Amino acid sequence: MKIAVVGGGAMGSLFAARLAVAGFATTLVEVDAGRLEHICKAGVVVDLAGRCIVAPVPCVQPADLERGQELLILFTKFAGLSAALAQSRHALAPEGVVAVLSNGLGIAGQLEGLIPENRLVLGVSDVAADLRVDGVHSDGTGLVKLGMANPADDPAPLARVQSVLETAGFSAHAMPDIRQAIWEKLAFNAAFNAVATLADARVCDLDNVPGRRIVAAILAEVGSVARAGQVPFDHAAVSARIEQAFLRQGEHRPSMAQDRRAGRRTEIGAINGAIAARGEEWGVPVPINRTLTDLVCLTGG
């Protein structure tokens, strides 16, 4: 099975390496020339809970991606999703499937017209991955939750993506309605990312009284917005996931903080900013998420 992973950052590299090791014909797609050259020379190096994986995954620019890909998995930033798919879809097989494992609300709308909705799978992952000088580091834990962009569509593409990820060793779960998982992942990201970015912090650096107080306040605000939008939201489940992050992923630096360190634009608008916008639209006070969004924007965006 031919699979292209679009986006050679920490998460894309981790998934591509594990897919390749599982026997899939995997290609990484990357537009950053330096990252592309590094992967072509060294392969994808992953420290997976202390086990070193070196996967010789081909890495190409979008225009050079070989046709006939049966699955495209997008790991690009929210703002770049439509461009990434537009540049890569020429390589998708006639009945190929696109799976998006990126953060943010409104992904299906952003990709409208680029892929038929009945071949679009949306997903969220709480697998942690850090891109360091010596490669990608991950503790190997976490779940991937998947659902059809339109829950009413035939779930066959969803089953295909789930099977592929399970074969590669991921814990993948099919959801009848992915909205709840998207909002709960958004809440988890919102709780950690902006604060970690502003404080240049790892998860463990927030495991204290003021850090936990801020995290809890963000989560409560997200829950209020979700309920106002009649989105199913399990506050206790997100709180439990946050506790697991404190316990097992303390050395992880949230992705937004990684972006800030690397000089890249952050996804603040797609995370805390999206929550603030929905809250303002639905008449819910969102002073915490609006303030965090403004602070991140003031300090470099």
C-alpha atoms as a PDB file:
ATOM      1  CA  MET A   1       0.000   0.000   0.000  1.00  0.00           C
ATOM      2  CA  LYS A   2       1.375   3.389  -1.025  1.00  0.00           C
ATOM      3  CA  ILE A   3       1.064   6.067   1.651  1.00  0.00           C
ATOM      4  CA  ALA A   4       2.258   9.672   1.609  1.00  0.00           C
ATOM      5  CA  VAL A   5       2.662  11.586   4.859  1.00  0.00           C
ATOM      6  CA  VAL A   6       2.505  15.312   4.126  1.00  0.00           C
ATOM      7  CA  GLY A   7       4.541  17.321   6.633  1.00  0.00           C
ATOM      8  CA  GLY A   8       7.949  16.207   7.881  1.00  0.00           C
ATOM      9  CA  GLY A   9       7.821  17.696  11.361  1.00  0.00           C
ATOM     10  CA  ALA A  10       7.823  15.725  14.593  1.00  0.00           C
ATOM     11  CA  MET A  11       4.430  14.041  14.190  1.00  0.00           C
ATOM     12  CA  GLY A  12       4.685  13.446  10.449  1.00  0.00           C
ATOM     13  CA  SER A  13       8.141  11.949  10.834  1.00  0.00           C
ATOM     14  CA  LEU A  14       7.037   9.701  13.697  1.00  0.00           C
ATOM     15  CA  PHE A  15       4.045   8.349  11.784  1.00  0.00           C
ATOM     16  CA  ALA A  16       6.011   7.940   8.542  1.00  0.00           C
ATOM     17  CA  ALA A  17       8.759   5.981  10.289  1.00  0.00           C
ATOM     18  CA  ARG A  18       6.330   3.622  12.002  1.00  0.00           C
ATOM     19  CA  LEU A  19       4.337   3.099   8.794  1.00  0.00           C
ATOM     20  CA  ALA A  20       7.524   2.314   6.870  1.00  0.00           C
ATOM     21  CA  VAL A  21       8.754  -0.127   9.519  1.00  0.00           C
ATOM     22  CA  ALA A  22       5.338  -1.841   9.339  1.00  0.00           C
ATOM     23  CA  GLY A  23       5.912  -2.515   5.636  1.00  0.00           C
ATOM     24  CA  PHE A  24       3.927   0.217   3.910  1.00  0.00           C
ATOM     25  CA  ALA A  25       5.475   1.980   0.896  1.00  0.00           C
ATOM     26  CA  THR A  26       5.738   5.299   2.705  1.00  0.00           C
ATOM     27  CA  THR A  27       6.901   8.661   1.382  1.00  0.00           C
ATOM     28  CA  LEU A  28       7.332  11.884   3.335  1.00  0.00           C
ATOM     29  CA  VAL A  29       6.351  15.120   1.631  1.00  0.00           C
ATOM     30  CA  GLU A  30       8.152  18.254   2.813  1.00  0.00           C
ATOM     31  CA  VAL A  31       8.573  21.782   1.458  1.00  0.00           C
ATOM     32  CA  ASP A  32      11.345  22.944   3.784  1.00  0.00           C
ATOM     33  CA  ALA A  33      14.572  22.432   1.834  1.00  0.00           C
ATOM     34  CA  GLY A  34      16.761  21.934   4.892  1.00  0.00           C
ATOM     35  CA  ARG A  35      14.457  19.376   6.483  1.00  0.00           C
ATOM     36  CA  LEU A  36      14.040  17.555   3.166  1.00  0.00           C
ATOM     37  CA  GLU A  37      17.792  17.314   2.616  1.00  0.00           C
ATOM     38  CA  HIS A  38      18.368  16.078   6.172  1.00  0.00           C
ATOM     39  CA  ILE A  39      15.788  13.283   5.843  1.00  0.00           C
ATOM     40  CA  CYS A  40      17.128  12.239   2.438  1.00  0.00           C
ATOM     41  CA  LYS A  41      20.625  11.879   3.894  1.00  0.00           C
ATOM     42  CA  ALA A  42      19.917  10.416   7.339  1.00  0.00           C
ATOM     43  CA  GLY A  43      16.463   8.881   7.039  1.00  0.00           C
ATOM     44  CA  VAL A  44      13.929   9.406   9.797  1.00  0.00           C
ATOM     45  CA  VAL A  45      15.472   8.746  13.197  1.00  0.00           C
ATOM     46  CA  VAL A  46      13.039   8.082  16.047  1.00  0.00           C
ATOM     47  CA  ASP A  47      13.667   7.395  19.712  1.00  0.00           C
ATOM     48  CA  LEU A  48      10.514   5.472  20.588  1.00  0.00           C
ATOM     49  CA  ALA A  49      10.453   4.981  24.349  1.00  0.00           C
ATOM     50  CA  GLY A  50      14.196   4.269  24.315  1.00  0.00           C
ATOM     51  CA  ARG A  51      14.119   2.093  21.179  1.00  0.00           C
ATOM     52  CA  CYS A  52      15.947   3.620  18.214  1.00  0.00           C
ATOM     53  CA  ILE A  53      14.267   3.392  14.814  1.00  0.00           C
ATOM     54  CA  VAL A  54      16.072   4.496  11.665  1.00  0.00           C
ATOM     55  CA  ALA A  55      13.663   4.405   8.739  1.00  0.00           C
ATOM     56  CA  PRO A  56      15.015   5.157   5.230  1.00  0.00           C
ATOM     57  CA  VAL A  57      11.836   6.959   4.199  1.00  0.00           C
ATOM     58  CA  PRO A  58      11.997   8.748   0.829  1.00  0.00           C
ATOM     59  CA  CYS A  59      11.343  12.469   1.222  1.00  0.00           C
ATOM     60  CA  VAL A  60      10.194  14.598  -1.720  1.00  0.00           C
ATOM     61  CA  GLN A  61       8.668  17.950  -2.552  1.00  0.00           C
ATOM     62  CA  PRO A  62       4.934  17.848  -3.375  1.00  0.00           C
ATOM     63  CA  ALA A  63       5.455  18.128  -7.137  1.00  0.00           C
ATOM     64  CA  ASP A  64       7.719  15.054  -7.107  1.00  0.00           C
ATOM     65  CA  LEU A  65       5.324  12.786  -5.226  1.00  0.00           C
ATOM     66  CA  GLU A  66       4.711   9.596  -7.196  1.00  0.00           C
ATOM     67  CA  ARG A  67       1.172   9.012  -8.409  1.00  0.00           C
ATOM     68  CA  GLY A  68      -1.026   6.180  -7.156  1.00  0.00           C
ATOM     69  CA  GLN A  69      -0.952   7.021  -3.446  1.00  0.00           C
ATOM     70  CA  GLU A  70      -3.785   5.165  -1.740  1.00  0.00           C
ATOM     71  CA  LEU A  71      -3.650   7.290   1.394  1.00  0.00           C
ATOM     72  CA  LEU A  72      -2.503  10.839   2.054  1.00  0.00           C
ATOM     73  CA  ILE A  73      -2.047  11.714   5.730  1.00  0.00           C
ATOM     74  CA  LEU A  74      -1.793  15.454   6.347  1.00  0.00           C
ATOM     75  CA  PHE A  75       0.221  16.675   9.330  1.00  0.00           C
ATOM     76  CA  THR A  76       0.739  20.245   8.194  1.00  0.00           C
ATOM     77  CA  LYS A  77      -0.276  23.268  10.237  1.00  0.00           C
ATOM     78  CA  PHE A  78      -3.927  24.312  10.068  1.00  0.00           C
ATOM     79  CA  ALA A  79      -3.268  27.423   7.984  1.00  0.00           C
ATOM     80  CA  GLY A  80      -1.393  25.391   5.381  1.00  0.00           C
ATOM     81  CA  LEU A  81      -3.763  22.451   5.004  1.00  0.00           C
ATOM     82  CA  SER A  82      -5.532  23.549   1.826  1.00  0.00           C
ATOM     83  CA  ALA A  83      -2.255  24.438   0.110  1.00  0.00           C
ATOM     84  CA  ALA A  84      -0.687  21.135   1.175  1.00  0.00           C
ATOM     85  CA  LEU A  85      -3.558  19.111  -0.246  1.00  0.00           C
ATOM     86  CA  ALA A  86      -3.760  21.211  -3.414  1.00  0.00           C
ATOM     87  CA  GLN A  87      -0.057  20.570  -4.049  1.00  0.00           C
ATOM     88  CA  SER A  88      -0.225  16.817  -3.321  1.00  0.00           C
ATOM     89  CA  ARG A  89      -3.605  15.606  -4.542  1.00  0.00           C
ATOM     90  CA  HIS A  90      -2.309  14.997  -8.089  1.00  0.00           C
ATOM     91  CA  ALA A  91      -0.655  11.872  -6.669  1.00  0.00           C
ATOM     92  CA  LEU A  92      -3.790  10.461  -5.043  1.00  0.00           C
ATOM     93  CA  ALA A  93      -5.181   7.268  -6.586  1.00  0.00           C
ATOM     94  CA  PRO A  94      -8.731   7.531  -8.019  1.00  0.00           C
ATOM     95  CA  GLU A  95     -10.290   6.009  -4.892  1.00  0.00           C
ATOM     96  CA  GLY A  96      -7.563   7.223  -2.543  1.00  0.00           C
ATOM     97  CA  VAL A  97      -8.366   8.538   0.908  1.00  0.00           C
ATOM     98  CA  VAL A  98      -7.176  11.682   2.674  1.00  0.00           C
ATOM     99  CA  ALA A  99      -6.767  11.646   6.459  1.00  0.00           C
ATOM    100  CA  VAL A 100      -6.093  14.887   8.334  1.00  0.00           C
ATOM    101  CA  LEU A 101      -4.471  14.664  11.756  1.00  0.00           C
ATOM    102  CA  SER A 102      -3.948  18.384  12.308  1.00  0.00           C
ATOM    103  CA  ASN A 103      -5.214  20.715  15.018  1.00  0.00           C
ATOM    104  CA  GLY A 104      -8.014  23.222  14.589  1.00  0.00           C
ATOM    105  CA  LEU A 105     -11.718  23.687  13.930  1.00  0.00           C
ATOM    106  CA  GLY A 106     -13.323  23.771  10.493  1.00  0.00           C
ATOM    107  CA  ILE A 107     -10.874  21.500   8.671  1.00  0.00           C
ATOM    108  CA  ALA A 108     -13.501  19.969   6.375  1.00  0.00           C
ATOM    109  CA  GLY A 109     -14.618  23.432   5.296  1.00  0.00           C
ATOM    110  CA  GLN A 110     -11.060  24.482   4.538  1.00  0.00           C
ATOM    111  CA  LEU A 111     -10.620  21.455   2.229  1.00  0.00           C
ATOM    112  CA  GLU A 112     -13.972  21.776   0.486  1.00  0.00           C
ATOM    113  CA  GLY A 113     -13.595  21.299  -3.247  1.00  0.00           C
ATOM    114  CA  LEU A 114     -10.191  19.631  -2.940  1.00  0.00           C
ATOM    115  CA  ILE A 115     -11.345  16.146  -1.928  1.00  0.00           C
ATOM    116  CA  PRO A 116     -14.820  14.543  -1.962  1.00  0.00           C
ATOM    117  CA  GLU A 117     -16.174  14.559   1.576  1.00  0.00           C
ATOM    118  CA  ASN A 118     -16.874  10.825   1.421  1.00  0.00           C
ATOM    119  CA  ARG A 119     -13.118  10.184   1.086  1.00  0.00           C
ATOM    120  CA  LEU A 120     -12.066  12.551   3.881  1.00  0.00           C
ATOM    121  CA  VAL A 121     -11.231  11.170   7.322  1.00  0.00           C
ATOM    122  CA  LEU A 122     -10.585  13.533  10.222  1.00  0.00           C
ATOM    123  CA  GLY A 123      -8.601  12.558  13.270  1.00  0.00           C
ATOM    124  CA  VAL A 124      -6.968  13.739  16.449  1.00  0.00           C
ATOM    125  CA  SER A 125      -3.987  12.264  18.231  1.00  0.00           C
ATOM    126  CA  ASP A 126      -2.591  12.728  21.709  1.00  0.00           C
ATOM    127  CA  VAL A 127       0.618  10.920  20.789  1.00  0.00           C
ATOM    128  CA  ALA A 128       3.465  13.204  21.902  1.00  0.00           C
ATOM    129  CA  ALA A 129       6.484  13.804  19.679  1.00  0.00           C
ATOM    130  CA  ASP A 130       9.398  16.230  19.952  1.00  0.00           C
ATOM    131  CA  LEU A 131      11.747  17.079  17.090  1.00  0.00           C
ATOM    132  CA  ARG A 132      15.283  17.397  18.458  1.00  0.00           C
ATOM    133  CA  VAL A 133      18.743  17.629  16.950  1.00  0.00           C
ATOM    134  CA  ASP A 134      19.223  13.851  17.085  1.00  0.00           C
ATOM    135  CA  GLY A 135      15.770  12.996  15.717  1.00  0.00           C
ATOM    136  CA  VAL A 136      12.197  12.573  16.900  1.00  0.00           C
ATOM    137  CA  HIS A 137      11.529  11.555  20.501  1.00  0.00           C
ATOM    138  CA  SER A 138       8.266   9.942  21.602  1.00  0.00           C
ATOM    139  CA  ASP A 139       7.206   7.856  24.572  1.00  0.00           C
ATOM    140  CA  GLY A 140       4.999   5.811  22.241  1.00  0.00           C
ATOM    141  CA  THR A 141       1.814   6.279  24.233  1.00  0.00           C
ATOM    142  CA  GLY A 142      -1.398   7.935  23.162  1.00  0.00           C
ATOM    143  CA  LEU A 143      -4.501   7.341  21.097  1.00  0.00           C
ATOM    144  CA  VAL A 144      -5.575   8.284  17.588  1.00  0.00           C
ATOM    145  CA  LYS A 145      -9.305   8.938  17.209  1.00  0.00           C
ATOM    146  CA  LEU A 146     -10.768   8.923  13.699  1.00  0.00           C
ATOM    147  CA  GLY A 147     -14.091   9.720  12.078  1.00  0.00           C
ATOM    148  CA  MET A 148     -15.597  10.517   8.705  1.00  0.00           C
ATOM    149  CA  ALA A 149     -15.791  14.232   7.921  1.00  0.00           C
ATOM    150  CA  ASN A 150     -19.497  13.595   7.350  1.00  0.00           C
ATOM    151  CA  PRO A 151     -20.715  10.969   9.850  1.00  0.00           C
ATOM    152  CA  ALA A 152     -23.497   9.977   7.442  1.00  0.00           C
ATOM    153  CA  ASP A 153     -21.051   8.765   4.767  1.00  0.00           C
ATOM    154  CA  ASP A 154     -19.991   5.141   4.184  1.00  0.00           C
ATOM    155  CA  PRO A 155     -17.373   4.386   6.892  1.00  0.00           C
ATOM    156  CA  ALA A 156     -15.238   2.171   4.616  1.00  0.00           C
ATOM    157  CA  PRO A 157     -12.483   4.835   4.249  1.00  0.00           C
ATOM    158  CA  LEU A 158     -12.458   5.235   8.019  1.00  0.00           C
ATOM    159  CA  ALA A 159     -11.968   1.494   8.479  1.00  0.00           C
ATOM    160  CA  ARG A 160      -9.056   1.532   5.998  1.00  0.00           C
ATOM    161  CA  VAL A 161      -7.243   4.318   7.833  1.00  0.00           C
ATOM    162  CA  GLN A 162      -7.845   2.664  11.199  1.00  0.00           C
ATOM    163  CA  SER A 163      -6.460  -0.646   9.913  1.00  0.00           C
ATOM    164  CA  VAL A 164      -3.328   1.017   8.519  1.00  0.00           C
ATOM    165  CA  LEU A 165      -2.546   2.813  11.779  1.00  0.00           C
ATOM    166  CA  GLU A 166      -3.185  -0.268  13.894  1.00  0.00           C
ATOM    167  CA  THR A 167      -0.841  -2.275  11.671  1.00  0.00           C
ATOM    168  CA  ALA A 168       1.813   0.369  12.371  1.00  0.00           C
ATOM    169  CA  GLY A 169       1.350  -0.108  16.108  1.00  0.00           C
ATOM    170  CA  PHE A 170      -0.849   2.882  16.929  1.00  0.00           C
ATOM    171  CA  SER A 171      -3.928   2.648  19.122  1.00  0.00           C
ATOM    172  CA  ALA A 172      -6.567   3.845  16.645  1.00  0.00           C
ATOM    173  CA  HIS A 173     -10.259   4.158  17.447  1.00  0.00           C
ATOM    174  CA  ALA A 174     -13.110   4.819  15.001  1.00  0.00           C
ATOM    175  CA  MET A 175     -15.680   7.351  16.223  1.00  0.00           C
ATOM    176  CA  PRO A 176     -19.258   7.630  14.923  1.00  0.00           C
ATOM    177  CA  ASP A 177     -19.043  11.427  15.367  1.00  0.00           C
ATOM    178  CA  ILE A 178     -15.559  12.941  15.456  1.00  0.00           C
ATOM    179  CA  ARG A 179     -16.716  16.370  16.695  1.00  0.00           C
ATOM    180  CA  GLN A 180     -16.417  15.457  20.362  1.00  0.00           C
ATOM    181  CA  ALA A 181     -12.873  14.156  19.933  1.00  0.00           C
ATOM    182  CA  ILE A 182     -11.877  17.276  17.972  1.00  0.00           C
ATOM    183  CA  TRP A 183     -13.175  19.598  20.681  1.00  0.00           C
ATOM    184  CA  GLU A 184     -11.649  17.575  23.490  1.00  0.00           C
ATOM    185  CA  LYS A 185      -8.260  17.559  21.735  1.00  0.00           C
ATOM    186  CA  LEU A 186      -8.648  21.283  21.131  1.00  0.00           C
ATOM    187  CA  ALA A 187      -9.262  21.750  24.862  1.00  0.00           C
ATOM    188  CA  PHE A 188      -6.181  19.698  25.729  1.00  0.00           C
ATOM    189  CA  ASN A 189      -4.032  21.735  23.335  1.00  0.00           C
ATOM    190  CA  ALA A 190      -5.486  25.016  24.517  1.00  0.00           C
ATOM    191  CA  ALA A 191      -4.760  24.112  28.128  1.00  0.00           C
ATOM    192  CA  PHE A 192      -1.034  23.631  27.499  1.00  0.00           C
ATOM    193  CA  ASN A 193       0.110  25.285  24.281  1.00  0.00           C
ATOM    194  CA  ALA A 194      -0.284  29.028  24.746  1.00  0.00           C
ATOM    195  CA  VAL A 195       1.012  29.009  28.326  1.00  0.00           C
ATOM    196  CA  ALA A 196       3.970  26.812  27.381  1.00  0.00           C
ATOM    197  CA  THR A 197       4.744  29.140  24.490  1.00  0.00           C
ATOM    198  CA  LEU A 198       4.668  32.281  26.606  1.00  0.00           C
ATOM    199  CA  ALA A 199       6.709  30.659  29.389  1.00  0.00           C
ATOM    200  CA  ASP A 200       8.991  28.634  27.054  1.00  0.00           C
ATOM    201  CA  ALA A 201       7.964  25.652  29.143  1.00  0.00           C
ATOM    202  CA  ARG A 202       7.705  21.882  29.028  1.00  0.00           C
ATOM    203  CA  VAL A 203       4.672  20.091  30.434  1.00  0.00           C
ATOM    204  CA  CYS A 204       6.487  19.417  33.706  1.00  0.00           C
ATOM    205  CA  ASP A 205       7.207  23.137  34.119  1.00  0.00           C
ATOM    206  CA  LEU A 206       3.453  23.719  34.434  1.00  0.00           C
ATOM    207  CA  ASP A 207       3.000  20.992  37.048  1.00  0.00           C
ATOM    208  CA  ASN A 208       2.709  23.358  39.993  1.00  0.00           C
ATOM    209  CA  VAL A 209       0.037  25.447  41.700  1.00  0.00           C
ATOM    210  CA  PRO A 210      -0.034  28.436  39.304  1.00  0.00           C
ATOM    211  CA  GLY A 211       0.435  26.238  36.230  1.00  0.00           C
ATOM    212  CA  ARG A 212      -2.360  23.882  37.179  1.00  0.00           C
ATOM    213  CA  ARG A 213      -4.631  26.784  38.097  1.00  0.00           C
ATOM    214  CA  ILE A 214      -4.209  28.309  34.622  1.00  0.00           C
ATOM    215  CA  VAL A 215      -4.651  24.940  32.878  1.00  0.00           C
ATOM    216  CA  ALA A 216      -7.874  24.252  34.828  1.00  0.00           C
ATOM    217  CA  ALA A 217      -9.277  27.714  34.051  1.00  0.00           C
ATOM    218  CA  ILE A 218      -8.598  27.306  30.314  1.00  0.00           C
ATOM    219  CA  LEU A 219     -10.264  23.894  30.300  1.00  0.00           C
ATOM    220  CA  ALA A 220     -13.347  25.201  32.110  1.00  0.00           C
ATOM    221  CA  GLU A 221     -13.704  28.018  29.580  1.00  0.00           C
ATOM    222  CA  VAL A 222     -13.425  25.640  26.614  1.00  0.00           C
ATOM    223  CA  GLY A 223     -16.067  23.404  28.141  1.00  0.00           C
ATOM    224  CA  SER A 224     -18.447  26.350  28.451  1.00  0.00           C
ATOM    225  CA  VAL A 225     -17.958  27.251  24.791  1.00  0.00           C
ATOM    226  CA  ALA A 226     -18.490  23.645  23.652  1.00  0.00           C
ATOM    227  CA  ARG A 227     -21.723  23.336  25.621  1.00  0.00           C
ATOM    228  CA  ALA A 228     -22.986  26.612  24.171  1.00  0.00           C
ATOM    229  CA  GLY A 229     -22.388  25.186  20.703  1.00  0.00           C
ATOM    230  CA  GLN A 230     -24.175  21.943  21.646  1.00  0.00           C
ATOM    231  CA  VAL A 231     -20.979  19.969  21.043  1.00  0.00           C
ATOM    232  CA  PRO A 232     -20.621  16.801  23.172  1.00  0.00           C
ATOM    233  CA  PHE A 233     -17.802  17.440  25.651  1.00  0.00           C
ATOM    234  CA  ASP A 234     -16.502  15.219  28.474  1.00  0.00           C
ATOM    235  CA  HIS A 235     -14.747  17.533  30.925  1.00  0.00           C
ATOM    236  CA  ALA A 236     -13.667  14.631  33.137  1.00  0.00           C
ATOM    237  CA  ALA A 237     -12.072  12.781  30.220  1.00  0.00           C
ATOM    238  CA  VAL A 238     -10.005  15.815  29.204  1.00  0.00           C
ATOM    239  CA  SER A 239      -8.966  16.391  32.817  1.00  0.00           C
ATOM    240  CA  ALA A 240      -7.826  12.769  33.041  1.00  0.00           C
ATOM    241  CA  ARG A 241      -5.813  13.166  29.815  1.00  0.00           C
ATOM    242  CA  ILE A 242      -4.166  16.288  31.229  1.00  0.00           C
ATOM    243  CA  GLU A 243      -3.204  14.332  34.358  1.00  0.00           C
ATOM    244  CA  GLN A 244      -1.681  11.629  32.158  1.00  0.00           C
ATOM    245  CA  ALA A 245       0.355  14.272  30.361  1.00  0.00           C
ATOM    246  CA  PHE A 246       1.683  15.593  33.663  1.00  0.00           C
ATOM    247  CA  LEU A 247       2.503  12.031  34.729  1.00  0.00           C
ATOM    248  CA  ARG A 248       3.958  10.530  31.534  1.00  0.00           C
ATOM    249  CA  GLN A 249       4.914  13.357  29.175  1.00  0.00           C
ATOM    250  CA  GLY A 250       6.559  15.877  31.467  1.00  0.00           C
ATOM    251  CA  GLU A 251       9.593  16.384  29.224  1.00  0.00           C
ATOM    252  CA  HIS A 252       7.419  17.068  26.174  1.00  0.00           C
ATOM    253  CA  ARG A 253       7.453  20.644  24.886  1.00  0.00           C
ATOM    254  CA  PRO A 254       4.026  21.422  23.363  1.00  0.00           C
ATOM    255  CA  SER A 255       4.030  21.924  19.601  1.00  0.00           C
ATOM    256  CA  MET A 256       3.280  25.636  19.750  1.00  0.00           C
ATOM    257  CA  ALA A 257       6.250  26.177  22.048  1.00  0.00           C
ATOM    258  CA  GLN A 258       8.389  24.125  19.636  1.00  0.00           C
ATOM    259  CA  ASP A 259       7.245  26.392  16.802  1.00  0.00           C
ATOM    260  CA  ARG A 260       8.121  29.518  18.777  1.00  0.00           C
ATOM    261  CA  ARG A 261      11.617  28.187  19.523  1.00  0.00           C
ATOM    262  CA  ALA A 262      12.145  27.355  15.843  1.00  0.00           C
ATOM    263  CA  GLY A 263      11.045  30.811  14.719  1.00  0.00           C
ATOM    264  CA  ARG A 264       7.884  29.520  13.009  1.00  0.00           C
ATOM    265  CA  ARG A 265       4.447  31.094  13.187  1.00  0.00           C
ATOM    266  CA  THR A 266       2.338  29.406  15.825  1.00  0.00           C
ATOM    267  CA  GLU A 267      -1.143  27.912  15.513  1.00  0.00           C
ATOM    268  CA  ILE A 268      -2.565  30.203  18.186  1.00  0.00           C
ATOM    269  CA  GLY A 269      -5.386  31.287  15.871  1.00  0.00           C
ATOM    270  CA  ALA A 270      -6.478  27.699  15.250  1.00  0.00           C
ATOM    271  CA  ILE A 271      -6.397  26.735  18.949  1.00  0.00           C
ATOM    272  CA  ASN A 272      -7.024  29.357  21.668  1.00  0.00           C
ATOM    273  CA  GLY A 273      -8.007  31.899  19.018  1.00  0.00           C
ATOM    274  CA  ALA A 274     -10.605  29.549  17.540  1.00  0.00           C
ATOM    275  CA  ILE A 275     -12.094  28.952  20.982  1.00  0.00           C
ATOM    276  CA  ALA A 276     -12.230  32.687  21.660  1.00  0.00           C
ATOM    277  CA  ALA A 277     -13.907  33.322  18.297  1.00  0.00           C
ATOM    278  CA  ARG A 278     -16.554  30.631  18.865  1.00  0.00           C
ATOM    279  CA  GLY A 279     -17.205  31.916  22.382  1.00  0.00           C
ATOM    280  CA  GLU A 280     -17.695  35.468  21.158  1.00  0.00           C
ATOM    281  CA  GLU A 281     -19.971  34.199  18.379  1.00  0.00           C
ATOM    282  CA  TRP A 282     -22.058  32.116  20.786  1.00  0.00           C
ATOM    283  CA  GLY A 283     -22.231  34.688  23.580  1.00  0.00           C
ATOM    284  CA  VAL A 284     -19.887  32.955  26.038  1.00  0.00           C
ATOM    285  CA  PRO A 285     -17.307  35.024  27.962  1.00  0.00           C
ATOM    286  CA  VAL A 286     -13.802  33.935  26.914  1.00  0.00           C
ATOM    287  CA  PRO A 287     -11.392  36.334  28.665  1.00  0.00           C
ATOM    288  CA  ILE A 288      -8.692  33.710  29.263  1.00  0.00           C
ATOM    289  CA  ASN A 289      -8.455  32.323  25.734  1.00  0.00           C
ATOM    290  CA  ARG A 290      -8.776  35.789  24.179  1.00  0.00           C
ATOM    291  CA  THR A 291      -6.018  37.163  26.425  1.00  0.00           C
ATOM    292  CA  LEU A 292      -3.693  34.206  25.773  1.00  0.00           C
ATOM    293  CA  THR A 293      -4.278  34.583  22.037  1.00  0.00           C
ATOM    294  CA  ASP A 294      -3.480  38.286  22.157  1.00  0.00           C
ATOM    295  CA  LEU A 295      -0.356  37.723  24.263  1.00  0.00           C
ATOM    296  CA  VAL A 296       1.028  35.111  21.876  1.00  0.00           C
ATOM    297  CA  CYS A 297       0.273  37.409  18.928  1.00  0.00           C
ATOM    298  CA  LEU A 298       1.949  40.347  20.691  1.00  0.00           C
ATOM    299  CA  THR A 299       5.069  38.282  21.289  1.00  0.00           C
ATOM    300  CA  GLY A 300       5.533  37.093  17.741  1.00  0.00           C
ATOM    301  CA  GLY A 301       2.375  35.303  16.666  1.00  0.00           C
END
